[in-house]
Each structure stands twice: as C-alpha cells, then as structure tokens.
Amino acid sequence: MQDPHELTDEKRAMALEQALGRQLREFRKSNNLTVSELSAVSGVSLAMISKIENGQTSPSLSTLQSLSVALNVPVTALFRQFEEHRTASYVPSGKGLTIERRGSRAGHQYQLLGHGVRGEITVEPYLITLSEKADVFPLFQHVGIEFIHMLEGEVGYRHGDQLYHLKPGDSLFFDPNAPHGPEELIELPARFLAIISYANKN
C-alpha cells in the first residue's frame, strides 16, 4: 500500500475516495445493514451511498456526518483506512537478526525475522536452528500463544504432558504457559519457524 502522503493531488484524492468507500462498506456490514437500509436510516440516497462505497465520488461533509450518525461512529473513523500508517518488515534470506534467548545456551540459534506491534499485540517470528551441538531443552514457559512449523530435521517436542514427533511440514499451535521445547533430537540439524504473539504491555 502506498503512503497517501507521497501521492500527487489527483491520485491522493482517488486514494482517499477508495479508502473512504472501503471503510464505509466495512462499517455498514458490521452493523448488518444493506445499502437500502443505510439509506433509509441516514437520509442519504441509495445511489450516493453506492458511489461512495465504490470510490466514485467525494461526498460532502454533511453527507459524511449523516452516514456517521447512522452508523454510530465519529466522522473521523471513516478516514481511518486512508490515514492509518501500515508498515512491513522485510528480511532477506540469511539476514535475520541473531539474538540471545533462554535456549541459546543449549545450542539453539534464534534468528528474528521481523517484529511487529499493532495496537495491543506484539508478534515475533523466529527461525530456530538446532545444530549437532544442541541440547534438549523442554523447559520454556512464557505468556501469549505460539505456533511452530518444522522445516528440516526431526524432533520430539514436549508440550506439557504430551510429546509430539515433529517432521518437516508438521505444525504445532499451543499455549506456551505450559513447559515446552525440544526433548528428543532425532535428526539434526533441525530448523523450524516459531511465531510468538503476546499482549503488548506498553
């Protein structure tokens, strides 16, 4: 998605109309309203609502005010998709930031592939490599939720009182508050993606 602040005036106006239309449609659908029903409640013609939702017109402030009252949202909420800054984190192959975590001392290498905080949620994707020098370490515990996907090798992965035999292509989604981690190193090196998500306390 292009930054609307970098667009020409004409393209910026078009981007605004399209974003406004998408946002209006989302609010209408979240209120379980048809276009006809929104028209009846707001006093804005069906044709005008259709044009706005399809990004084909620049509605007046009075029209937006009528729609926002009908949808029970502030007028500014209709511009949310246009003004909201969206980011992406790109990490080239082999360039993930190697970091220290609890398992590092057991020969587990962690490469952070990106870092995202959106609202109240933090997401951390890792590429974890268990080399021939790795030790078993089924004692991780932390808040949030975790998802792992095996890419290479085989391990017996402990989660609570269950042991899962993970091979390439296998996935495990779990509550990381329970003790977890590789307990059996069956075929090394082993690599897997681990995506950890937790509430952002900041």
Protein backbone atom coordinates (compact mmCIF):
# COMPACT_ATOMS: atom_id res chain seq x y z
CA MET A 1 0.00 0.00 0.00
CA GLN A 2 1.36 3.40 -0.99
CA ASP A 3 1.76 6.13 1.57
CA PRO A 4 -1.06 8.60 0.73
CA HIS A 5 1.24 11.48 1.71
CA GLU A 6 3.52 10.60 -1.24
CA LEU A 7 0.78 10.71 -3.89
CA THR A 8 0.03 13.51 -6.34
CA ASP A 9 -3.04 15.61 -5.53
CA GLU A 10 -5.18 13.79 -8.11
CA LYS A 11 -4.06 10.32 -7.07
CA ARG A 12 -4.33 11.28 -3.41
CA ALA A 13 -7.97 12.28 -3.95
CA MET A 14 -8.65 8.96 -5.68
CA ALA A 15 -6.93 7.05 -2.87
CA LEU A 16 -8.99 8.95 -0.31
CA GLU A 17 -12.25 8.17 -2.12
CA GLN A 18 -11.38 4.47 -2.36
CA ALA A 19 -10.28 4.21 1.27
CA LEU A 20 -13.38 6.08 2.40
CA GLY A 21 -15.57 3.72 0.37
CA ARG A 22 -13.93 0.61 1.82
CA GLN A 23 -14.29 1.94 5.36
CA LEU A 24 -17.93 2.90 4.87
CA ARG A 25 -18.71 -0.57 3.49
CA GLU A 26 -16.96 -2.22 6.46
CA PHE A 27 -18.94 -0.17 8.98
CA ARG A 28 -22.21 -0.81 7.13
CA LYS A 29 -21.63 -4.56 7.04
CA SER A 30 -20.52 -4.68 10.67
CA ASN A 31 -23.88 -3.08 11.50
CA ASN A 32 -25.65 -5.72 9.37
CA LEU A 33 -27.18 -3.04 7.16
CA THR A 34 -27.94 -3.24 3.46
CA VAL A 35 -27.30 -0.19 1.29
CA SER A 36 -31.07 0.41 1.21
CA GLU A 37 -31.32 0.21 5.00
CA LEU A 38 -28.42 2.62 5.49
CA SER A 39 -30.02 4.98 3.00
CA ALA A 40 -33.30 4.92 4.93
CA VAL A 41 -31.61 5.49 8.30
CA SER A 42 -29.20 8.21 7.15
CA GLY A 43 -31.32 10.06 4.62
CA VAL A 44 -28.51 9.72 2.03
CA SER A 45 -29.69 8.39 -1.31
CA LEU A 46 -29.02 4.78 -2.24
CA ALA A 47 -27.20 5.93 -5.40
CA MET A 48 -24.91 8.24 -3.42
CA ILE A 49 -24.01 5.51 -0.90
CA SER A 50 -23.26 3.13 -3.76
CA LYS A 51 -20.98 5.70 -5.41
CA ILE A 52 -19.16 6.39 -2.13
CA GLU A 53 -18.59 2.70 -1.42
CA ASN A 54 -17.22 2.21 -4.92
CA GLY A 55 -14.84 5.17 -4.60
CA GLN A 56 -16.57 7.08 -7.39
CA THR A 57 -17.30 10.37 -5.63
CA SER A 58 -16.09 12.79 -2.97
CA PRO A 59 -19.01 13.19 -0.56
CA SER A 60 -19.69 16.43 1.26
CA LEU A 61 -19.07 16.78 4.98
CA SER A 62 -22.82 16.93 5.62
CA THR A 63 -23.25 13.61 3.81
CA LEU A 64 -20.43 12.04 5.84
CA GLN A 65 -21.95 13.44 9.01
CA SER A 66 -25.32 11.85 8.19
CA LEU A 67 -23.68 8.49 7.48
CA SER A 68 -21.53 8.58 10.62
CA VAL A 69 -24.56 9.33 12.81
CA ALA A 70 -26.48 6.45 11.20
CA LEU A 71 -23.53 4.10 11.78
CA ASN A 72 -22.87 5.44 15.30
CA VAL A 73 -19.21 6.25 14.60
CA PRO A 74 -17.33 9.56 14.57
CA VAL A 75 -16.81 11.17 11.16
CA THR A 76 -13.05 10.75 11.56
CA ALA A 77 -13.48 6.97 11.74
CA LEU A 78 -14.50 6.99 8.08
CA PHE A 79 -10.98 8.17 7.16
CA ARG A 80 -9.22 5.50 9.21
CA GLN A 81 -8.01 3.36 6.30
CA PHE A 82 -6.60 6.37 4.47
CA GLU A 83 -4.65 7.91 7.34
CA GLU A 84 -3.59 4.72 9.08
CA HIS A 85 0.13 4.07 8.66
CA ARG A 86 0.83 0.48 7.66
CA THR A 87 4.29 -0.99 7.84
CA ALA A 88 6.08 -4.06 6.54
CA SER A 89 9.20 -5.78 7.80
CA TYR A 90 11.43 -7.27 5.07
CA VAL A 91 14.28 -9.61 5.99
CA PRO A 92 16.40 -11.03 3.12
CA SER A 93 17.38 -14.70 3.23
CA GLY A 94 20.01 -15.36 5.87
CA LYS A 95 19.84 -11.81 7.25
CA GLY A 96 17.62 -12.40 10.29
CA LEU A 97 18.94 -10.81 13.45
CA THR A 98 20.59 -13.45 15.65
CA ILE A 99 19.52 -12.88 19.22
CA GLU A 100 20.01 -14.41 22.64
CA ARG A 101 17.10 -16.20 24.29
CA ARG A 102 16.89 -18.76 27.07
CA GLY A 103 17.58 -21.66 24.70
CA SER A 104 20.71 -20.04 23.23
CA ARG A 105 22.86 -21.57 25.93
CA ALA A 106 21.59 -25.01 24.90
CA GLY A 107 22.89 -24.54 21.35
CA HIS A 108 19.63 -23.24 19.89
CA GLN A 109 20.17 -20.42 17.38
CA TYR A 110 17.43 -17.80 17.10
CA GLN A 111 17.07 -15.52 14.09
CA LEU A 112 14.42 -12.83 14.46
CA LEU A 113 12.69 -12.50 11.08
CA GLY A 114 10.68 -9.39 11.90
CA HIS A 115 9.00 -7.57 14.72
CA GLY A 116 5.52 -6.16 14.70
CA VAL A 117 3.48 -4.29 17.26
CA ARG A 118 -0.07 -3.45 16.25
CA GLY A 119 -2.27 -1.96 18.90
CA GLU A 120 -2.14 -4.21 21.93
CA ILE A 121 -0.47 -7.21 20.26
CA THR A 122 3.22 -7.98 19.69
CA VAL A 123 4.26 -10.67 17.18
CA GLU A 124 7.78 -12.15 16.97
CA PRO A 125 8.63 -14.62 14.15
CA TYR A 126 11.83 -16.67 14.62
CA LEU A 127 13.81 -19.14 12.55
CA ILE A 128 15.23 -21.58 15.11
CA THR A 129 18.12 -23.89 14.25
CA LEU A 130 19.17 -26.87 16.38
CA SER A 131 22.70 -27.87 15.43
CA GLU A 132 24.64 -31.04 16.24
CA LYS A 133 25.81 -29.25 19.39
CA ALA A 134 22.27 -28.55 20.62
CA ASP A 135 20.97 -29.87 23.91
CA VAL A 136 17.40 -30.83 24.78
CA PHE A 137 15.52 -28.01 26.47
CA PRO A 138 11.83 -28.76 27.13
CA LEU A 139 11.52 -26.10 29.83
CA PHE A 140 10.45 -22.92 28.02
CA GLN A 141 7.50 -21.08 29.56
CA HIS A 142 6.12 -17.68 28.62
CA VAL A 143 2.87 -15.81 28.09
CA GLY A 144 0.92 -15.49 24.86
CA ILE A 145 0.40 -18.04 22.12
CA GLU A 146 2.94 -19.85 19.95
CA PHE A 147 2.96 -21.57 16.57
CA ILE A 148 5.83 -23.67 15.21
CA HIS A 149 6.29 -25.23 11.78
CA MET A 150 9.04 -27.76 11.05
CA LEU A 151 11.23 -27.09 8.00
CA GLU A 152 14.06 -29.59 8.38
CA GLY A 153 15.12 -32.46 10.66
CA GLU A 154 13.06 -34.27 13.28
CA VAL A 155 12.50 -33.63 16.97
CA GLY A 156 10.37 -34.87 19.81
CA TYR A 157 8.74 -31.66 21.02
CA ARG A 158 7.38 -31.54 24.54
CA HIS A 159 4.29 -29.52 25.47
CA GLY A 160 3.05 -30.13 29.00
CA ASP A 161 2.49 -33.88 29.38
CA GLN A 162 2.43 -34.55 25.63
CA LEU A 163 5.38 -35.37 23.34
CA TYR A 164 4.94 -34.66 19.61
CA HIS A 165 7.13 -36.21 16.90
CA LEU A 166 7.65 -33.30 14.50
CA LYS A 167 8.88 -33.83 10.94
CA PRO A 168 9.18 -31.37 8.02
CA GLY A 169 5.75 -29.95 7.24
CA ASP A 170 4.35 -30.60 10.73
CA SER A 171 2.94 -27.74 12.80
CA LEU A 172 2.11 -27.22 16.45
CA PHE A 173 -0.04 -24.41 17.87
CA PHE A 174 -0.12 -24.16 21.65
CA ASP A 175 -0.37 -22.28 24.92
CA PRO A 176 3.26 -21.51 25.88
CA ASN A 177 2.44 -21.09 29.56
CA ALA A 178 2.97 -24.87 29.82
CA PRO A 179 6.58 -26.16 29.81
CA HIS A 180 7.59 -26.80 26.20
CA GLY A 181 10.55 -27.31 23.91
CA PRO A 182 12.59 -29.99 22.08
CA GLU A 183 13.05 -33.05 24.28
CA GLU A 184 14.29 -35.57 21.69
CA LEU A 185 16.76 -34.57 18.98
CA ILE A 186 16.03 -37.26 16.40
CA GLU A 187 17.57 -35.84 13.21
CA LEU A 188 19.88 -32.83 13.21
CA PRO A 189 20.31 -30.17 12.10
CA ALA A 190 16.68 -29.24 12.67
CA ARG A 191 15.07 -25.96 11.68
CA PHE A 192 11.63 -24.64 12.41
CA LEU A 193 9.68 -21.41 12.32
CA ALA A 194 8.34 -20.20 15.66
CA ILE A 195 5.82 -17.37 15.82
CA ILE A 196 5.15 -15.97 19.27
CA SER A 197 2.38 -13.48 19.98
CA TYR A 198 1.56 -11.80 23.26
CA ALA A 199 -0.14 -8.75 24.71
CA ASN A 200 1.86 -5.55 24.47
CA LYS A 201 2.10 -4.10 27.98
CA ASN A 202 3.48 -0.80 26.73
